[in-house]
Amino acid sequence: MAAITVRNLDDHVKQRLRIRAAQHGRSMEAEVRAIIVEAVGAEDEPKNILTRLRESAAELGGVDLDIPPREGTIRVVEFDE
């Protein structure tokens, strides 16, 4: 794998990077990798919307949806000619 060194990074930017990494529970190095992968992409094929939504929800720790109980009775549908 390749290694990249970033020089002359503003102290304010470094501090914001440190905070962002902590919010995501990652090291600064892991956060930079995630930012680069997100910016330039790691896959050759574009992701569909469902994959993107799943990944976004996973980054937030998942999503629990309240599904209301079904009401009423089941109707039989008849297809008359």
PDB file of N, CA and C in Angstrom:
ATOM      1  N   MET A   1       0.837  -1.177   0.000  1.00  0.00           N
ATOM      2  CA  MET A   1       0.000   0.000   0.000  1.00  0.00           C
ATOM      3  C   MET A   1       0.883   1.241   0.000  1.00  0.00           C
ATOM      4  N   ALA A   2       0.374   2.291  -0.556  1.00  0.00           N
ATOM      5  CA  ALA A   2       1.121   3.536  -0.663  1.00  0.00           C
ATOM      6  C   ALA A   2       1.048   4.332   0.635  1.00  0.00           C
ATOM      7  N   ALA A   3       2.018   5.193   0.829  1.00  0.00           N
ATOM      8  CA  ALA A   3       2.042   6.104   1.972  1.00  0.00           C
ATOM      9  C   ALA A   3       2.115   7.527   1.442  1.00  0.00           C
ATOM     10  N   ILE A   4       1.404   8.437   2.098  1.00  0.00           N
ATOM     11  CA  ILE A   4       1.379   9.840   1.691  1.00  0.00           C
ATOM     12  C   ILE A   4       1.698  10.692   2.913  1.00  0.00           C
ATOM     13  N   THR A   5       2.535  11.696   2.730  1.00  0.00           N
ATOM     14  CA  THR A   5       2.843  12.654   3.785  1.00  0.00           C
ATOM     15  C   THR A   5       2.237  13.993   3.402  1.00  0.00           C
ATOM     16  N   VAL A   6       1.534  14.615   4.333  1.00  0.00           N
ATOM     17  CA  VAL A   6       0.923  15.921   4.085  1.00  0.00           C
ATOM     18  C   VAL A   6       1.700  16.957   4.892  1.00  0.00           C
ATOM     19  N   ARG A   7       2.304  17.904   4.207  1.00  0.00           N
ATOM     20  CA  ARG A   7       3.075  18.955   4.868  1.00  0.00           C
ATOM     21  C   ARG A   7       2.298  20.259   4.856  1.00  0.00           C
ATOM     22  N   ASN A   8       2.674  21.148   5.762  1.00  0.00           N
ATOM     23  CA  ASN A   8       2.119  22.505   5.840  1.00  0.00           C
ATOM     24  C   ASN A   8       0.605  22.509   6.041  1.00  0.00           C
ATOM     25  N   LEU A   9       0.126  21.594   6.850  1.00  0.00           N
ATOM     26  CA  LEU A   9      -1.297  21.546   7.175  1.00  0.00           C
ATOM     27  C   LEU A   9      -1.562  22.543   8.291  1.00  0.00           C
ATOM     28  N   ASP A  10      -2.521  23.411   8.095  1.00  0.00           N
ATOM     29  CA  ASP A  10      -2.863  24.426   9.084  1.00  0.00           C
ATOM     30  C   ASP A  10      -3.240  23.769  10.416  1.00  0.00           C
ATOM     31  N   ASP A  11      -2.803  24.365  11.518  1.00  0.00           N
ATOM     32  CA  ASP A  11      -3.094  23.807  12.843  1.00  0.00           C
ATOM     33  C   ASP A  11      -4.592  23.697  13.103  1.00  0.00           C
ATOM     34  N   HIS A  12      -5.353  24.670  12.608  1.00  0.00           N
ATOM     35  CA  HIS A  12      -6.810  24.640  12.791  1.00  0.00           C
ATOM     36  C   HIS A  12      -7.423  23.446  12.053  1.00  0.00           C
ATOM     37  N   VAL A  13      -6.926  23.178  10.870  1.00  0.00           N
ATOM     38  CA  VAL A  13      -7.415  22.031  10.090  1.00  0.00           C
ATOM     39  C   VAL A  13      -7.066  20.735  10.807  1.00  0.00           C
ATOM     40  N   LYS A  14      -5.857  20.656  11.337  1.00  0.00           N
ATOM     41  CA  LYS A  14      -5.443  19.454  12.068  1.00  0.00           C
ATOM     42  C   LYS A  14      -6.326  19.242  13.293  1.00  0.00           C
ATOM     43  N   GLN A  15      -6.650  20.312  14.003  1.00  0.00           N
ATOM     44  CA  GLN A  15      -7.513  20.198  15.183  1.00  0.00           C
ATOM     45  C   GLN A  15      -8.910  19.725  14.785  1.00  0.00           C
ATOM     46  N   ARG A  16      -9.441  20.264  13.701  1.00  0.00           N
ATOM     47  CA  ARG A  16     -10.763  19.833  13.232  1.00  0.00           C
ATOM     48  C   ARG A  16     -10.738  18.377  12.796  1.00  0.00           C
ATOM     49  N   LEU A  17      -9.638  17.961  12.187  1.00  0.00           N
ATOM     50  CA  LEU A  17      -9.478  16.562  11.793  1.00  0.00           C
ATOM     51  C   LEU A  17      -9.446  15.664  13.023  1.00  0.00           C
ATOM     52  N   ARG A  18      -8.736  16.093  14.063  1.00  0.00           N
ATOM     53  CA  ARG A  18      -8.660  15.321  15.305  1.00  0.00           C
ATOM     54  C   ARG A  18     -10.062  15.168  15.925  1.00  0.00           C
ATOM     55  N   ILE A  19     -10.845  16.242  15.917  1.00  0.00           N
ATOM     56  CA  ILE A  19     -12.208  16.197  16.470  1.00  0.00           C
ATOM     57  C   ILE A  19     -13.087  15.271  15.635  1.00  0.00           C
ATOM     58  N   ARG A  20     -13.001  15.409  14.318  1.00  0.00           N
ATOM     59  CA  ARG A  20     -13.811  14.556  13.432  1.00  0.00           C
ATOM     60  C   ARG A  20     -13.467  13.085  13.625  1.00  0.00           C
ATOM     61  N   ALA A  21     -12.178  12.779  13.754  1.00  0.00           N
ATOM     62  CA  ALA A  21     -11.754  11.395  13.968  1.00  0.00           C
ATOM     63  C   ALA A  21     -12.317  10.864  15.278  1.00  0.00           C
ATOM     64  N   ALA A  22     -12.277  11.675  16.324  1.00  0.00           N
ATOM     65  CA  ALA A  22     -12.815  11.254  17.624  1.00  0.00           C
ATOM     66  C   ALA A  22     -14.316  11.013  17.538  1.00  0.00           C
ATOM     67  N   GLN A  23     -15.024  11.851  16.800  1.00  0.00           N
ATOM     68  CA  GLN A  23     -16.475  11.675  16.643  1.00  0.00           C
ATOM     69  C   GLN A  23     -16.804  10.363  15.947  1.00  0.00           C
ATOM     70  N   HIS A  24     -15.933   9.934  15.055  1.00  0.00           N
ATOM     71  CA  HIS A  24     -16.153   8.679  14.332  1.00  0.00           C
ATOM     72  C   HIS A  24     -15.474   7.491  15.006  1.00  0.00           C
ATOM     73  N   GLY A  25     -14.799   7.735  16.126  1.00  0.00           N
ATOM     74  CA  GLY A  25     -14.147   6.649  16.848  1.00  0.00           C
ATOM     75  C   GLY A  25     -12.950   6.073  16.114  1.00  0.00           C
ATOM     76  N   ARG A  26     -12.229   6.932  15.377  1.00  0.00           N
ATOM     77  CA  ARG A  26     -11.088   6.477  14.597  1.00  0.00           C
ATOM     78  C   ARG A  26      -9.855   7.302  14.952  1.00  0.00           C
ATOM     79  N   SER A  27      -8.708   6.780  14.575  1.00  0.00           N
ATOM     80  CA  SER A  27      -7.478   7.560  14.686  1.00  0.00           C
ATOM     81  C   SER A  27      -7.497   8.627  13.590  1.00  0.00           C
ATOM     82  N   MET A  28      -6.620   9.611  13.729  1.00  0.00           N
ATOM     83  CA  MET A  28      -6.543  10.637  12.688  1.00  0.00           C
ATOM     84  C   MET A  28      -6.139  10.022  11.351  1.00  0.00           C
ATOM     85  N   GLU A  29      -5.233   9.070  11.391  1.00  0.00           N
ATOM     86  CA  GLU A  29      -4.795   8.412  10.157  1.00  0.00           C
ATOM     87  C   GLU A  29      -5.955   7.669   9.491  1.00  0.00           C
ATOM     88  N   ALA A  30      -6.741   6.950  10.288  1.00  0.00           N
ATOM     89  CA  ALA A  30      -7.892   6.225   9.740  1.00  0.00           C
ATOM     90  C   ALA A  30      -8.931   7.199   9.197  1.00  0.00           C
ATOM     91  N   GLU A  31      -9.090   8.332   9.869  1.00  0.00           N
ATOM     92  CA  GLU A  31     -10.049   9.337   9.400  1.00  0.00           C
ATOM     93  C   GLU A  31      -9.605   9.914   8.056  1.00  0.00           C
ATOM     94  N   VAL A  32      -8.325  10.205   7.916  1.00  0.00           N
ATOM     95  CA  VAL A  32      -7.807  10.720   6.644  1.00  0.00           C
ATOM     96  C   VAL A  32      -8.019   9.699   5.534  1.00  0.00           C
ATOM     97  N   ARG A  33      -7.769   8.419   5.831  1.00  0.00           N
ATOM     98  CA  ARG A  33      -8.012   7.375   4.823  1.00  0.00           C
ATOM     99  C   ARG A  33      -9.477   7.365   4.404  1.00  0.00           C
ATOM    100  N   ALA A  34     -10.379   7.451   5.382  1.00  0.00           N
ATOM    101  CA  ALA A  34     -11.812   7.431   5.072  1.00  0.00           C
ATOM    102  C   ALA A  34     -12.201   8.635   4.220  1.00  0.00           C
ATOM    103  N   ILE A  35     -11.648   9.796   4.532  1.00  0.00           N
ATOM    104  CA  ILE A  35     -11.947  11.010   3.763  1.00  0.00           C
ATOM    105  C   ILE A  35     -11.454  10.860   2.324  1.00  0.00           C
ATOM    106  N   ILE A  36     -10.249  10.343   2.159  1.00  0.00           N
ATOM    107  CA  ILE A  36      -9.694  10.175   0.810  1.00  0.00           C
ATOM    108  C   ILE A  36     -10.502   9.156   0.016  1.00  0.00           C
ATOM    109  N   VAL A  37     -10.841   8.037   0.635  1.00  0.00           N
ATOM    110  CA  VAL A  37     -11.630   7.013  -0.059  1.00  0.00           C
ATOM    111  C   VAL A  37     -12.986   7.578  -0.460  1.00  0.00           C
ATOM    112  N   GLU A  38     -13.606   8.343   0.431  1.00  0.00           N
ATOM    113  CA  GLU A  38     -14.909   8.943   0.116  1.00  0.00           C
ATOM    114  C   GLU A  38     -14.778   9.953  -1.019  1.00  0.00           C
ATOM    115  N   ALA A  39     -13.695  10.713  -1.028  1.00  0.00           N
ATOM    116  CA  ALA A  39     -13.514  11.760  -2.033  1.00  0.00           C
ATOM    117  C   ALA A  39     -13.216  11.202  -3.420  1.00  0.00           C
ATOM    118  N   VAL A  40     -12.373  10.184  -3.494  1.00  0.00           N
ATOM    119  CA  VAL A  40     -11.967   9.685  -4.813  1.00  0.00           C
ATOM    120  C   VAL A  40     -12.546   8.327  -5.144  1.00  0.00           C
ATOM    121  N   GLY A  41     -13.141   7.674  -4.165  1.00  0.00           N
ATOM    122  CA  GLY A  41     -13.765   6.384  -4.400  1.00  0.00           C
ATOM    123  C   GLY A  41     -12.767   5.249  -4.329  1.00  0.00           C
ATOM    124  N   ALA A  42     -13.244   4.131  -3.819  1.00  0.00           N
ATOM    125  CA  ALA A  42     -12.397   2.953  -3.695  1.00  0.00           C
ATOM    126  C   ALA A  42     -12.822   1.859  -4.647  1.00  0.00           C
ATOM    127  N   GLU A  43     -13.972   2.021  -5.261  1.00  0.00           N
ATOM    128  CA  GLU A  43     -14.504   0.991  -6.143  1.00  0.00           C
ATOM    129  C   GLU A  43     -14.609   1.527  -7.560  1.00  0.00           C
ATOM    130  N   ASP A  44     -14.511   0.633  -8.502  1.00  0.00           N
ATOM    131  CA  ASP A  44     -14.638   1.030  -9.896  1.00  0.00           C
ATOM    132  C   ASP A  44     -16.095   1.240 -10.296  1.00  0.00           C
ATOM    133  N   GLU A  45     -16.985   0.464  -9.694  1.00  0.00           N
ATOM    134  CA  GLU A  45     -18.392   0.549 -10.047  1.00  0.00           C
ATOM    135  C   GLU A  45     -19.111   1.505  -9.098  1.00  0.00           C
ATOM    136  N   PRO A  46     -19.992   2.342  -9.628  1.00  0.00           N
ATOM    137  CA  PRO A  46     -20.745   3.237  -8.750  1.00  0.00           C
ATOM    138  C   PRO A  46     -21.711   2.438  -7.873  1.00  0.00           C
ATOM    139  N   LYS A  47     -21.931   2.933  -6.673  1.00  0.00           N
ATOM    140  CA  LYS A  47     -22.841   2.262  -5.746  1.00  0.00           C
ATOM    141  C   LYS A  47     -24.266   2.715  -6.026  1.00  0.00           C
ATOM    142  N   ASN A  48     -25.202   1.803  -5.836  1.00  0.00           N
ATOM    143  CA  ASN A  48     -26.589   2.190  -6.014  1.00  0.00           C
ATOM    144  C   ASN A  48     -27.082   2.899  -4.757  1.00  0.00           C
ATOM    145  N   ILE A  49     -28.239   3.489  -4.831  1.00  0.00           N
ATOM    146  CA  ILE A  49     -28.762   4.304  -3.734  1.00  0.00           C
ATOM    147  C   ILE A  49     -28.991   3.477  -2.473  1.00  0.00           C
ATOM    148  N   LEU A  50     -29.420   2.238  -2.607  1.00  0.00           N
ATOM    149  CA  LEU A  50     -29.659   1.396  -1.440  1.00  0.00           C
ATOM    150  C   LEU A  50     -28.355   1.128  -0.691  1.00  0.00           C
ATOM    151  N   THR A  51     -27.294   0.849  -1.418  1.00  0.00           N
ATOM    152  CA  THR A  51     -25.992   0.616  -0.789  1.00  0.00           C
ATOM    153  C   THR A  51     -25.520   1.862  -0.063  1.00  0.00           C
ATOM    154  N   ARG A  52     -25.684   3.014  -0.677  1.00  0.00           N
ATOM    155  CA  ARG A  52     -25.279   4.270  -0.037  1.00  0.00           C
ATOM    156  C   ARG A  52     -26.085   4.527   1.234  1.00  0.00           C
ATOM    157  N   LEU A  53     -27.386   4.275   1.192  1.00  0.00           N
ATOM    158  CA  LEU A  53     -28.219   4.480   2.381  1.00  0.00           C
ATOM    159  C   LEU A  53     -27.817   3.533   3.505  1.00  0.00           C
ATOM    160  N   ARG A  54     -27.556   2.277   3.171  1.00  0.00           N
ATOM    161  CA  ARG A  54     -27.129   1.310   4.188  1.00  0.00           C
ATOM    162  C   ARG A  54     -25.817   1.733   4.831  1.00  0.00           C
ATOM    163  N   GLU A  55     -24.866   2.181   4.020  1.00  0.00           N
ATOM    164  CA  GLU A  55     -23.577   2.608   4.553  1.00  0.00           C
ATOM    165  C   GLU A  55     -23.730   3.843   5.431  1.00  0.00           C
ATOM    166  N   SER A  56     -24.573   4.778   5.000  1.00  0.00           N
ATOM    167  CA  SER A  56     -24.799   5.980   5.804  1.00  0.00           C
ATOM    168  C   SER A  56     -25.437   5.629   7.139  1.00  0.00           C
ATOM    169  N   ALA A  57     -26.405   4.724   7.114  1.00  0.00           N
ATOM    170  CA  ALA A  57     -27.056   4.305   8.360  1.00  0.00           C
ATOM    171  C   ALA A  57     -26.073   3.572   9.262  1.00  0.00           C
ATOM    172  N   ALA A  58     -25.199   2.773   8.680  1.00  0.00           N
ATOM    173  CA  ALA A  58     -24.207   2.039   9.472  1.00  0.00           C
ATOM    174  C   ALA A  58     -23.249   2.994  10.166  1.00  0.00           C
ATOM    175  N   GLU A  59     -22.885   4.084   9.496  1.00  0.00           N
ATOM    176  CA  GLU A  59     -21.996   5.075  10.099  1.00  0.00           C
ATOM    177  C   GLU A  59     -22.647   5.740  11.303  1.00  0.00           C
ATOM    178  N   LEU A  60     -23.964   5.811  11.298  1.00  0.00           N
ATOM    179  CA  LEU A  60     -24.698   6.411  12.413  1.00  0.00           C
ATOM    180  C   LEU A  60     -25.013   5.402  13.505  1.00  0.00           C
ATOM    181  N   GLY A  61     -24.586   4.179  13.323  1.00  0.00           N
ATOM    182  CA  GLY A  61     -24.868   3.143  14.314  1.00  0.00           C
ATOM    183  C   GLY A  61     -26.136   2.373  14.011  1.00  0.00           C
ATOM    184  N   GLY A  62     -26.643   2.504  12.804  1.00  0.00           N
ATOM    185  CA  GLY A  62     -27.863   1.797  12.424  1.00  0.00           C
ATOM    186  C   GLY A  62     -29.091   2.674  12.613  1.00  0.00           C
ATOM    187  N   VAL A  63     -30.183   2.230  12.094  1.00  0.00           N
ATOM    188  CA  VAL A  63     -31.440   2.961  12.198  1.00  0.00           C
ATOM    189  C   VAL A  63     -32.530   1.983  12.591  1.00  0.00           C
ATOM    190  N   ASP A  64     -33.267   2.317  13.636  1.00  0.00           N
ATOM    191  CA  ASP A  64     -34.407   1.507  14.045  1.00  0.00           C
ATOM    192  C   ASP A  64     -35.680   2.220  13.614  1.00  0.00           C
ATOM    193  N   LEU A  65     -36.474   1.552  12.834  1.00  0.00           N
ATOM    194  CA  LEU A  65     -37.727   2.126  12.362  1.00  0.00           C
ATOM    195  C   LEU A  65     -38.887   1.519  13.130  1.00  0.00           C
ATOM    196  N   ASP A  66     -39.788   2.377  13.570  1.00  0.00           N
ATOM    197  CA  ASP A  66     -41.000   1.898  14.224  1.00  0.00           C
ATOM    198  C   ASP A  66     -42.008   1.548  13.140  1.00  0.00           C
ATOM    199  N   ILE A  67     -42.323   0.289  13.031  1.00  0.00           N
ATOM    200  CA  ILE A  67     -43.279  -0.166  12.031  1.00  0.00           C
ATOM    201  C   ILE A  67     -44.605  -0.389  12.740  1.00  0.00           C
ATOM    202  N   PRO A  68     -45.621   0.383  12.368  1.00  0.00           N
ATOM    203  CA  PRO A  68     -46.909   0.241  13.047  1.00  0.00           C
ATOM    204  C   PRO A  68     -47.559  -1.098  12.710  1.00  0.00           C
ATOM    205  N   PRO A  69     -48.372  -1.614  13.631  1.00  0.00           N
ATOM    206  CA  PRO A  69     -49.057  -2.880  13.342  1.00  0.00           C
ATOM    207  C   PRO A  69     -50.073  -2.685  12.215  1.00  0.00           C
ATOM    208  N   ARG A  70     -50.289  -3.753  11.471  1.00  0.00           N
ATOM    209  CA  ARG A  70     -51.279  -3.693  10.396  1.00  0.00           C
ATOM    210  C   ARG A  70     -52.675  -3.653  10.992  1.00  0.00           C
ATOM    211  N   GLU A  71     -53.514  -2.894  10.352  1.00  0.00           N
ATOM    212  CA  GLU A  71     -54.890  -2.774  10.831  1.00  0.00           C
ATOM    213  C   GLU A  71     -55.846  -3.247   9.746  1.00  0.00           C
ATOM    214  N   GLY A  72     -57.025  -3.628  10.172  1.00  0.00           N
ATOM    215  CA  GLY A  72     -58.036  -4.052   9.219  1.00  0.00           C
ATOM    216  C   GLY A  72     -57.898  -5.515   8.864  1.00  0.00           C
ATOM    217  N   THR A  73     -58.693  -5.899   7.918  1.00  0.00           N
ATOM    218  CA  THR A  73     -58.684  -7.295   7.496  1.00  0.00           C
ATOM    219  C   THR A  73     -58.053  -7.410   6.114  1.00  0.00           C
ATOM    220  N   ILE A  74     -57.656  -8.597   5.803  1.00  0.00           N
ATOM    221  CA  ILE A  74     -57.071  -8.855   4.491  1.00  0.00           C
ATOM    222  C   ILE A  74     -58.201  -8.982   3.482  1.00  0.00           C
ATOM    223  N   ARG A  75     -58.066  -8.272   2.376  1.00  0.00           N
ATOM    224  CA  ARG A  75     -59.085  -8.344   1.336  1.00  0.00           C
ATOM    225  C   ARG A  75     -58.617  -9.266   0.230  1.00  0.00           C
ATOM    226  N   VAL A  76     -59.518 -10.079  -0.248  1.00  0.00           N
ATOM    227  CA  VAL A  76     -59.220 -10.950  -1.375  1.00  0.00           C
ATOM    228  C   VAL A  76     -59.522 -10.174  -2.647  1.00  0.00           C
ATOM    229  N   VAL A  77     -58.587 -10.155  -3.542  1.00  0.00           N
ATOM    230  CA  VAL A  77     -58.771  -9.447  -4.802  1.00  0.00           C
ATOM    231  C   VAL A  77     -59.187 -10.458  -5.857  1.00  0.00           C
ATOM    232  N   GLU A  78     -60.271 -10.141  -6.547  1.00  0.00           N
ATOM    233  CA  GLU A  78     -60.755 -11.025  -7.603  1.00  0.00           C
ATOM    234  C   GLU A  78     -60.512 -10.365  -8.951  1.00  0.00           C
ATOM    235  N   PHE A  79     -60.015 -11.148  -9.872  1.00  0.00           N
ATOM    236  CA  PHE A  79     -59.755 -10.657 -11.211  1.00  0.00           C
ATOM    237  C   PHE A  79     -60.796 -11.262 -12.151  1.00  0.00           C
ATOM    238  N   ASP A  80     -61.879 -10.533 -12.351  1.00  0.00           N
ATOM    239  CA  ASP A  80     -62.948 -10.991 -13.243  1.00  0.00           C
ATOM    240  C   ASP A  80     -62.607 -10.600 -14.673  1.00  0.00           C
ATOM    241  N   GLU A  81     -63.052 -11.465 -15.580  1.00  0.00           N
ATOM    242  CA  GLU A  81     -62.813 -11.183 -16.994  1.00  0.00           C
ATOM    243  C   GLU A  81     -63.867 -10.286 -17.550  1.00  0.00           C
TER     244      GLU A  81
END
